[in-house]
Amino acid sequence: MADERQRIVRVAGSRRAKLTRVEGTTSEPHERAERSAPAEGERGPNDERMLREVPPHY
């Protein structure tokens, strides 16, 4: 089981370390599923307000 784990590799001159590759994985990012708004009849009482609000750090 110890062989299946990723190892941390220090990179000289870099602030970040790298992880070794694990067999059976790829470095490709996952595709995000597109989110769509629900149909008009499926909305709840607070949906309009929640969709308008923006977190304070934006």
C-alpha atoms as a PDB file:
ATOM      1  CA  MET A   1       0.000   0.000   0.000  1.00  0.00           C
ATOM      2  CA  ALA A   2       2.894   2.391   0.651  1.00  0.00           C
ATOM      3  CA  ASP A   3       3.882   2.186  -3.040  1.00  0.00           C
ATOM      4  CA  GLU A   4       0.460   3.447  -4.160  1.00  0.00           C
ATOM      5  CA  ARG A   5       0.790   6.763  -2.355  1.00  0.00           C
ATOM      6  CA  GLN A   6       2.100   9.959  -3.858  1.00  0.00           C
ATOM      7  CA  ARG A   7       5.449  11.271  -2.699  1.00  0.00           C
ATOM      8  CA  ILE A   8       6.278  14.904  -2.004  1.00  0.00           C
ATOM      9  CA  VAL A   9       9.266  16.150  -4.014  1.00  0.00           C
ATOM     10  CA  ARG A  10      10.985  19.400  -3.110  1.00  0.00           C
ATOM     11  CA  VAL A  11      11.820  21.683  -6.018  1.00  0.00           C
ATOM     12  CA  ALA A  12      14.948  23.807  -5.626  1.00  0.00           C
ATOM     13  CA  GLY A  13      14.217  27.536  -5.871  1.00  0.00           C
ATOM     14  CA  SER A  14      10.452  27.031  -5.662  1.00  0.00           C
ATOM     15  CA  ARG A  15       8.067  27.745  -2.812  1.00  0.00           C
ATOM     16  CA  ARG A  16       5.868  24.807  -3.746  1.00  0.00           C
ATOM     17  CA  ALA A  17       6.593  21.112  -3.768  1.00  0.00           C
ATOM     18  CA  LYS A  18       5.430  18.674  -6.418  1.00  0.00           C
ATOM     19  CA  LEU A  19       3.649  15.365  -6.018  1.00  0.00           C
ATOM     20  CA  THR A  20       4.744  12.269  -7.878  1.00  0.00           C
ATOM     21  CA  ARG A  21       2.414  10.730 -10.435  1.00  0.00           C
ATOM     22  CA  VAL A  22       0.118   7.892  -9.408  1.00  0.00           C
ATOM     23  CA  GLU A  23      -0.440   5.071 -11.869  1.00  0.00           C
ATOM     24  CA  GLY A  24      -3.840   5.247 -13.542  1.00  0.00           C
ATOM     25  CA  THR A  25      -4.263   9.014 -13.166  1.00  0.00           C
ATOM     26  CA  THR A  26      -3.915  11.920 -15.584  1.00  0.00           C
ATOM     27  CA  SER A  27      -2.933  15.542 -15.123  1.00  0.00           C
ATOM     28  CA  GLU A  28      -5.950  16.711 -17.112  1.00  0.00           C
ATOM     29  CA  PRO A  29      -8.347  18.933 -15.139  1.00  0.00           C
ATOM     30  CA  HIS A  30     -11.871  17.665 -14.580  1.00  0.00           C
ATOM     31  CA  GLU A  31     -14.572  19.153 -16.763  1.00  0.00           C
ATOM     32  CA  ARG A  32     -17.145  21.087 -14.807  1.00  0.00           C
ATOM     33  CA  ALA A  33     -20.766  20.376 -15.510  1.00  0.00           C
ATOM     34  CA  GLU A  34     -22.627  23.464 -16.665  1.00  0.00           C
ATOM     35  CA  ARG A  35     -25.136  24.697 -14.141  1.00  0.00           C
ATOM     36  CA  SER A  36     -28.467  25.912 -15.354  1.00  0.00           C
ATOM     37  CA  ALA A  37     -31.196  27.759 -13.571  1.00  0.00           C
ATOM     38  CA  PRO A  38     -34.253  25.689 -12.694  1.00  0.00           C
ATOM     39  CA  ALA A  39     -37.453  26.138 -14.639  1.00  0.00           C
ATOM     40  CA  GLU A  40     -39.732  28.969 -13.489  1.00  0.00           C
ATOM     41  CA  GLY A  41     -42.109  26.605 -11.721  1.00  0.00           C
ATOM     42  CA  GLU A  42     -39.310  24.946  -9.717  1.00  0.00           C
ATOM     43  CA  ARG A  43     -38.043  28.070  -7.953  1.00  0.00           C
ATOM     44  CA  GLY A  44     -38.394  28.552  -4.229  1.00  0.00           C
ATOM     45  CA  PRO A  45     -39.312  31.705  -2.319  1.00  0.00           C
ATOM     46  CA  ASN A  46     -35.676  32.789  -1.698  1.00  0.00           C
ATOM     47  CA  ASP A  47     -34.126  31.902  -5.061  1.00  0.00           C
ATOM     48  CA  GLU A  48     -34.311  35.389  -6.590  1.00  0.00           C
ATOM     49  CA  ARG A  49     -32.584  36.999  -3.610  1.00  0.00           C
ATOM     50  CA  MET A  50     -29.905  34.286  -3.440  1.00  0.00           C
ATOM     51  CA  LEU A  51     -29.114  34.644  -7.155  1.00  0.00           C
ATOM     52  CA  ARG A  52     -28.713  38.438  -6.791  1.00  0.00           C
ATOM     53  CA  GLU A  53     -26.436  38.306  -3.728  1.00  0.00           C
ATOM     54  CA  VAL A  54     -22.674  38.463  -4.193  1.00  0.00           C
ATOM     55  CA  PRO A  55     -20.237  37.404  -1.462  1.00  0.00           C
ATOM     56  CA  PRO A  56     -18.448  40.356   0.170  1.00  0.00           C
ATOM     57  CA  HIS A  57     -15.015  39.373  -1.164  1.00  0.00           C
ATOM     58  CA  TYR A  58     -16.099  39.874  -4.806  1.00  0.00           C
END
